[in-house]
PDB file of N, CA and C in Angstrom:
ATOM      1  N   MET A   1       0.744  -0.905   0.452  1.00  0.00           N
ATOM      2  CA  MET A   1       0.097  -0.170  -0.193  1.00  0.00           C
ATOM      3  C   MET A   1       1.160   1.016   0.220  1.00  0.00           C
ATOM      4  N   PRO A   2       0.433   2.188  -0.296  1.00  0.00           N
ATOM      5  CA  PRO A   2       1.337   2.895  -0.549  1.00  0.00           C
ATOM      6  C   PRO A   2       0.982   4.121   0.704  1.00  0.00           C
ATOM      7  N   ILE A   3       2.433   4.650   1.684  1.00  0.00           N
ATOM      8  CA  ILE A   3       2.272   4.838   2.404  1.00  0.00           C
ATOM      9  C   ILE A   3       1.455   6.679   2.480  1.00  0.00           C
ATOM     10  N   THR A   4      -0.041   6.993   1.772  1.00  0.00           N
ATOM     11  CA  THR A   4      -0.463   8.098   1.828  1.00  0.00           C
ATOM     12  C   THR A   4      -1.506   7.751   2.960  1.00  0.00           C
ATOM     13  N   ILE A   5      -2.080   6.115   2.676  1.00  0.00           N
ATOM     14  CA  ILE A   5      -2.513   5.813   3.654  1.00  0.00           C
ATOM     15  C   ILE A   5      -2.128   5.296   4.964  1.00  0.00           C
ATOM     16  N   ALA A   6      -1.390   5.380   5.431  1.00  0.00           N
ATOM     17  CA  ALA A   6      -0.684   5.658   6.952  1.00  0.00           C
ATOM     18  C   ALA A   6      -1.701   6.151   7.421  1.00  0.00           C
ATOM     19  N   LYS A   7      -1.688   6.600   9.035  1.00  0.00           N
ATOM     20  CA  LYS A   7      -1.604   7.315   9.683  1.00  0.00           C
ATOM     21  C   LYS A   7      -0.499   8.246  10.566  1.00  0.00           C
ATOM     22  N   THR A   8      -0.799   8.928  11.426  1.00  0.00           N
ATOM     23  CA  THR A   8       0.143   9.798  12.384  1.00  0.00           C
ATOM     24  C   THR A   8       0.226   8.661  13.484  1.00  0.00           C
ATOM     25  N   GLY A   9       1.432   8.482  13.541  1.00  0.00           N
ATOM     26  CA  GLY A   9       2.480   7.503  14.931  1.00  0.00           C
ATOM     27  C   GLY A   9       2.291   6.510  14.050  1.00  0.00           C
ATOM     28  N   ASP A  10       1.959   6.466  12.707  1.00  0.00           N
ATOM     29  CA  ASP A  10       1.954   4.215  12.090  1.00  0.00           C
ATOM     30  C   ASP A  10       3.563   4.578  11.853  1.00  0.00           C
ATOM     31  N   ILE A  11       4.524   2.866  11.928  1.00  0.00           N
ATOM     32  CA  ILE A  11       5.562   2.579  11.351  1.00  0.00           C
ATOM     33  C   ILE A  11       5.828   2.077  10.903  1.00  0.00           C
ATOM     34  N   VAL A  12       6.669   2.272   9.707  1.00  0.00           N
ATOM     35  CA  VAL A  12       6.402   1.063   8.493  1.00  0.00           C
ATOM     36  C   VAL A  12       7.089   0.782   7.616  1.00  0.00           C
ATOM     37  N   ARG A  13       7.330  -0.031   6.645  1.00  0.00           N
ATOM     38  CA  ARG A  13       8.904  -0.691   5.548  1.00  0.00           C
ATOM     39  C   ARG A  13       8.127   0.163   5.047  1.00  0.00           C
ATOM     40  N   ILE A  14       9.430   0.640   3.787  1.00  0.00           N
ATOM     41  CA  ILE A  14       9.323   0.679   2.982  1.00  0.00           C
ATOM     42  C   ILE A  14       9.853  -0.961   1.956  1.00  0.00           C
ATOM     43  N   ILE A  15       8.948  -1.730   0.876  1.00  0.00           N
ATOM     44  CA  ILE A  15       9.216  -2.071   0.814  1.00  0.00           C
ATOM     45  C   ILE A  15       9.486  -2.566  -1.035  1.00  0.00           C
ATOM     46  N   ARG A  16       9.012  -0.950  -1.335  1.00  0.00           N
ATOM     47  CA  ARG A  16       8.914  -1.225  -3.206  1.00  0.00           C
ATOM     48  C   ARG A  16       9.198   1.001  -3.257  1.00  0.00           C
ATOM     49  N   ILE A  17       9.804   1.070  -4.555  1.00  0.00           N
ATOM     50  CA  ILE A  17       9.998   2.447  -4.317  1.00  0.00           C
ATOM     51  C   ILE A  17       9.133   2.712  -6.235  1.00  0.00           C
ATOM     52  N   THR A  18       8.098   3.177  -6.622  1.00  0.00           N
ATOM     53  CA  THR A  18       8.175   3.391  -7.974  1.00  0.00           C
ATOM     54  C   THR A  18       8.428   4.878  -8.376  1.00  0.00           C
ATOM     55  N   GLY A  19       8.134   4.429  -9.853  1.00  0.00           N
ATOM     56  CA  GLY A  19       8.543   5.529 -10.385  1.00  0.00           C
ATOM     57  C   GLY A  19       9.817   5.431 -11.513  1.00  0.00           C
ATOM     58  N   ASP A  20      10.776   6.456 -12.342  1.00  0.00           N
ATOM     59  CA  ASP A  20      11.454   6.645 -13.111  1.00  0.00           C
ATOM     60  C   ASP A  20      13.179   6.497 -12.010  1.00  0.00           C
ATOM     61  N   ASP A  21      13.832   6.559 -12.782  1.00  0.00           N
ATOM     62  CA  ASP A  21      15.468   6.212 -12.299  1.00  0.00           C
ATOM     63  C   ASP A  21      15.745   7.176 -11.259  1.00  0.00           C
ATOM     64  N   SER A  22      15.716   8.909 -11.752  1.00  0.00           N
ATOM     65  CA  SER A  22      15.690  10.232 -11.257  1.00  0.00           C
ATOM     66  C   SER A  22      14.785  10.437  -9.934  1.00  0.00           C
ATOM     67  N   ILE A  23      13.495   9.996  -9.527  1.00  0.00           N
ATOM     68  CA  ILE A  23      13.011   9.827  -8.404  1.00  0.00           C
ATOM     69  C   ILE A  23      12.842   9.117  -7.914  1.00  0.00           C
ATOM     70  N   ARG A  24      13.387   7.757  -8.147  1.00  0.00           N
ATOM     71  CA  ARG A  24      13.626   6.758  -7.180  1.00  0.00           C
ATOM     72  C   ARG A  24      15.085   6.992  -6.224  1.00  0.00           C
ATOM     73  N   THR A  25      15.847   7.693  -7.030  1.00  0.00           N
ATOM     74  CA  THR A  25      17.429   8.054  -6.812  1.00  0.00           C
ATOM     75  C   THR A  25      17.410   9.386  -5.896  1.00  0.00           C
ATOM     76  N   HIS A  26      16.552  10.198  -5.738  1.00  0.00           N
ATOM     77  CA  HIS A  26      15.664  11.111  -5.387  1.00  0.00           C
ATOM     78  C   HIS A  26      15.388  11.566  -3.579  1.00  0.00           C
ATOM     79  N   LEU A  27      14.617  10.246  -3.614  1.00  0.00           N
ATOM     80  CA  LEU A  27      14.069   9.614  -2.553  1.00  0.00           C
ATOM     81  C   LEU A  27      15.396   8.721  -2.175  1.00  0.00           C
ATOM     82  N   ALA A  28      16.071   8.085  -3.166  1.00  0.00           N
ATOM     83  CA  ALA A  28      16.906   7.485  -1.906  1.00  0.00           C
ATOM     84  C   ALA A  28      18.140   8.499  -1.084  1.00  0.00           C
ATOM     85  N   GLU A  29      18.742   9.021  -1.719  1.00  0.00           N
ATOM     86  CA  GLU A  29      19.470  10.827  -1.304  1.00  0.00           C
ATOM     87  C   GLU A  29      18.679  10.691  -0.486  1.00  0.00           C
ATOM     88  N   LEU A  30      17.633  11.207  -0.089  1.00  0.00           N
ATOM     89  CA  LEU A  30      16.856  11.755   0.701  1.00  0.00           C
ATOM     90  C   LEU A  30      16.483  10.310   2.524  1.00  0.00           C
ATOM     91  N   GLY A  31      16.951   8.898   1.888  1.00  0.00           N
ATOM     92  CA  GLY A  31      17.046   8.466   2.766  1.00  0.00           C
ATOM     93  C   GLY A  31      16.009   7.273   2.816  1.00  0.00           C
ATOM     94  N   PHE A  32      14.739   7.277   1.818  1.00  0.00           N
ATOM     95  CA  PHE A  32      14.625   6.462   1.152  1.00  0.00           C
ATOM     96  C   PHE A  32      14.505   5.128   0.288  1.00  0.00           C
ATOM     97  N   ALA A  33      15.191   4.366   1.171  1.00  0.00           N
ATOM     98  CA  ALA A  33      15.130   2.848   0.718  1.00  0.00           C
ATOM     99  C   ALA A  33      14.358   2.264   0.760  1.00  0.00           C
ATOM    100  N   VAL A  34      14.409   0.830   0.579  1.00  0.00           N
ATOM    101  CA  VAL A  34      13.563  -0.292  -0.034  1.00  0.00           C
ATOM    102  C   VAL A  34      14.155  -0.823   1.614  1.00  0.00           C
ATOM    103  N   GLY A  35      13.671  -1.470   2.896  1.00  0.00           N
ATOM    104  CA  GLY A  35      13.858  -1.818   3.892  1.00  0.00           C
ATOM    105  C   GLY A  35      13.534  -0.712   5.216  1.00  0.00           C
ATOM    106  N   ALA A  36      14.126   0.483   4.370  1.00  0.00           N
ATOM    107  CA  ALA A  36      13.635   0.950   5.708  1.00  0.00           C
ATOM    108  C   ALA A  36      13.010   1.106   5.888  1.00  0.00           C
ATOM    109  N   GLU A  37      12.927   1.563   7.422  1.00  0.00           N
ATOM    110  CA  GLU A  37      12.132   2.498   8.505  1.00  0.00           C
ATOM    111  C   GLU A  37      11.426   3.936   8.492  1.00  0.00           C
ATOM    112  N   VAL A  38      10.250   3.848   8.543  1.00  0.00           N
ATOM    113  CA  VAL A  38       9.962   5.322   8.780  1.00  0.00           C
ATOM    114  C   VAL A  38       8.778   5.622   9.790  1.00  0.00           C
ATOM    115  N   LYS A  39       8.701   6.271  10.525  1.00  0.00           N
ATOM    116  CA  LYS A  39       7.357   7.170  11.048  1.00  0.00           C
ATOM    117  C   LYS A  39       6.722   8.360  10.504  1.00  0.00           C
ATOM    118  N   VAL A  40       5.847   7.690  10.339  1.00  0.00           N
ATOM    119  CA  VAL A  40       4.512   9.034   9.453  1.00  0.00           C
ATOM    120  C   VAL A  40       4.347  10.159  11.476  1.00  0.00           C
ATOM    121  N   VAL A  41       4.969  11.125  11.020  1.00  0.00           N
ATOM    122  CA  VAL A  41       5.073  12.037  11.661  1.00  0.00           C
ATOM    123  C   VAL A  41       3.814  13.084  12.050  1.00  0.00           C
ATOM    124  N   LYS A  42       3.278  13.235  10.792  1.00  0.00           N
ATOM    125  CA  LYS A  42       1.538  13.557  10.703  1.00  0.00           C
ATOM    126  C   LYS A  42       1.488  13.129   9.098  1.00  0.00           C
ATOM    127  N   ALA A  43       0.484  13.481   9.497  1.00  0.00           N
ATOM    128  CA  ALA A  43      -0.411  13.877   7.882  1.00  0.00           C
ATOM    129  C   ALA A  43      -1.460  13.779   7.670  1.00  0.00           C
ATOM    130  N   VAL A  44      -1.285  15.433   6.577  1.00  0.00           N
ATOM    131  CA  VAL A  44      -2.403  15.919   6.040  1.00  0.00           C
ATOM    132  C   VAL A  44      -3.119  15.704   4.653  1.00  0.00           C
ATOM    133  N   LYS A  45      -4.154  14.884   4.294  1.00  0.00           N
ATOM    134  CA  LYS A  45      -4.500  15.158   3.107  1.00  0.00           C
ATOM    135  C   LYS A  45      -3.488  14.233   1.809  1.00  0.00           C
ATOM    136  N   GLY A  46      -2.496  13.580   2.521  1.00  0.00           N
ATOM    137  CA  GLY A  46      -2.074  12.707   2.126  1.00  0.00           C
ATOM    138  C   GLY A  46      -0.913  13.548   1.527  1.00  0.00           C
ATOM    139  N   ASN A  47      -0.401  14.520   2.058  1.00  0.00           N
ATOM    140  CA  ASN A  47       0.688  15.108   2.094  1.00  0.00           C
ATOM    141  C   ASN A  47       1.906  14.472   4.206  1.00  0.00           C
ATOM    142  N   LEU A  48       2.671  14.150   3.862  1.00  0.00           N
ATOM    143  CA  LEU A  48       3.335  14.002   5.099  1.00  0.00           C
ATOM    144  C   LEU A  48       4.740  14.787   5.163  1.00  0.00           C
ATOM    145  N   ILE A  49       4.517  14.208   6.609  1.00  0.00           N
ATOM    146  CA  ILE A  49       5.826  14.434   7.459  1.00  0.00           C
ATOM    147  C   ILE A  49       6.318  13.536   7.776  1.00  0.00           C
ATOM    148  N   LEU A  50       7.724  12.967   7.405  1.00  0.00           N
ATOM    149  CA  LEU A  50       8.311  11.448   8.169  1.00  0.00           C
ATOM    150  C   LEU A  50       9.320  11.289   8.267  1.00  0.00           C
ATOM    151  N   GLN A  51       9.420  10.707   9.478  1.00  0.00           N
ATOM    152  CA  GLN A  51      10.434  10.637  10.574  1.00  0.00           C
ATOM    153  C   GLN A  51      12.129   9.243   9.531  1.00  0.00           C
ATOM    154  N   VAL A  52      12.890   9.157   9.000  1.00  0.00           N
ATOM    155  CA  VAL A  52      13.511   8.760   8.539  1.00  0.00           C
ATOM    156  C   VAL A  52      15.096   8.607   8.585  1.00  0.00           C
ATOM    157  N   HIS A  53      16.060   7.225   9.982  1.00  0.00           N
ATOM    158  CA  HIS A  53      17.381   7.228   9.704  1.00  0.00           C
ATOM    159  C   HIS A  53      17.534   9.020  10.920  1.00  0.00           C
ATOM    160  N   GLY A  54      16.262   8.894  11.491  1.00  0.00           N
ATOM    161  CA  GLY A  54      17.176  10.547  12.497  1.00  0.00           C
ATOM    162  C   GLY A  54      16.525  11.712  12.553  1.00  0.00           C
ATOM    163  N   THR A  55      15.661  11.817  10.912  1.00  0.00           N
ATOM    164  CA  THR A  55      15.117  13.443  10.411  1.00  0.00           C
ATOM    165  C   THR A  55      14.413  12.874   9.866  1.00  0.00           C
ATOM    166  N   ARG A  56      14.045  13.982  10.053  1.00  0.00           N
ATOM    167  CA  ARG A  56      12.331  14.696   9.294  1.00  0.00           C
ATOM    168  C   ARG A  56      11.882  14.968   7.604  1.00  0.00           C
ATOM    169  N   LEU A  57      10.980  15.079   7.570  1.00  0.00           N
ATOM    170  CA  LEU A  57      11.321  15.578   6.248  1.00  0.00           C
ATOM    171  C   LEU A  57       9.791  15.021   5.959  1.00  0.00           C
ATOM    172  N   ALA A  58       9.601  16.224   4.633  1.00  0.00           N
ATOM    173  CA  ALA A  58       7.431  16.626   4.241  1.00  0.00           C
ATOM    174  C   ALA A  58       8.048  16.036   2.582  1.00  0.00           C
ATOM    175  N   LEU A  59       6.950  14.981   2.680  1.00  0.00           N
ATOM    176  CA  LEU A  59       6.850  14.831   1.598  1.00  0.00           C
ATOM    177  C   LEU A  59       5.313  15.581   0.441  1.00  0.00           C
ATOM    178  N   ASP A  60       5.014  15.924  -0.402  1.00  0.00           N
ATOM    179  CA  ASP A  60       3.401  16.026  -0.535  1.00  0.00           C
ATOM    180  C   ASP A  60       3.520  14.943  -1.287  1.00  0.00           C
ATOM    181  N   GLN A  61       2.229  14.832  -1.843  1.00  0.00           N
ATOM    182  CA  GLN A  61       1.363  13.122  -1.935  1.00  0.00           C
ATOM    183  C   GLN A  61       1.769  12.885  -2.632  1.00  0.00           C
ATOM    184  N   SER A  62       2.042  13.327  -4.114  1.00  0.00           N
ATOM    185  CA  SER A  62       2.108  13.458  -5.244  1.00  0.00           C
ATOM    186  C   SER A  62       4.281  12.214  -4.825  1.00  0.00           C
ATOM    187  N   MET A  63       4.647  12.746  -3.677  1.00  0.00           N
ATOM    188  CA  MET A  63       6.260  11.989  -4.020  1.00  0.00           C
ATOM    189  C   MET A  63       6.313  11.090  -2.761  1.00  0.00           C
ATOM    190  N   ALA A  64       5.132  11.351  -1.841  1.00  0.00           N
ATOM    191  CA  ALA A  64       4.564  10.185  -1.099  1.00  0.00           C
ATOM    192  C   ALA A  64       3.911   8.658  -1.621  1.00  0.00           C
ATOM    193  N   SER A  65       3.143   9.006  -2.179  1.00  0.00           N
ATOM    194  CA  SER A  65       2.575   8.235  -3.264  1.00  0.00           C
ATOM    195  C   SER A  65       3.415   6.985  -3.934  1.00  0.00           C
ATOM    196  N   ARG A  66       4.711   6.996  -3.814  1.00  0.00           N
ATOM    197  CA  ARG A  66       5.886   7.076  -4.457  1.00  0.00           C
ATOM    198  C   ARG A  66       6.548   5.592  -3.395  1.00  0.00           C
ATOM    199  N   LEU A  67       6.231   5.609  -2.205  1.00  0.00           N
ATOM    200  CA  LEU A  67       6.995   4.696  -1.347  1.00  0.00           C
ATOM    201  C   LEU A  67       5.937   4.102  -1.260  1.00  0.00           C
ATOM    202  N   LEU A  68       5.839   2.365  -1.589  1.00  0.00           N
ATOM    203  CA  LEU A  68       5.300   1.431  -0.604  1.00  0.00           C
ATOM    204  C   LEU A  68       5.402   1.062   0.365  1.00  0.00           C
ATOM    205  N   VAL A  69       4.334   0.281   1.114  1.00  0.00           N
ATOM    206  CA  VAL A  69       5.163   0.067   2.326  1.00  0.00           C
ATOM    207  C   VAL A  69       4.196  -1.093   2.550  1.00  0.00           C
ATOM    208  N   GLU A  70       4.795  -1.387   4.049  1.00  0.00           N
ATOM    209  CA  GLU A  70       4.397  -2.466   5.221  1.00  0.00           C
ATOM    210  C   GLU A  70       3.956  -2.252   6.427  1.00  0.00           C
ATOM    211  N   PHE A  71       2.695  -2.948   7.402  1.00  0.00           N
ATOM    212  CA  PHE A  71       3.323  -2.788   8.593  1.00  0.00           C
ATOM    213  C   PHE A  71       3.829  -3.241   9.027  1.00  0.00           C
TER     214      PHE A  71
END
């Protein structure tokens, strides 16, 4: 499921990242890699503030929807 479905406080693991190479590279540079554990700090209308590797980052709905996760 895309991470945009997760709720505030959920901790999920990335299982797949969709999109072209440049999008996947950009997300990887931010710390979003397959297997990474991510906490949803805040979720508002699909836009998310996420914590990955101790850093908080904001992603809009279009970028966040590229992260497919499992609980």
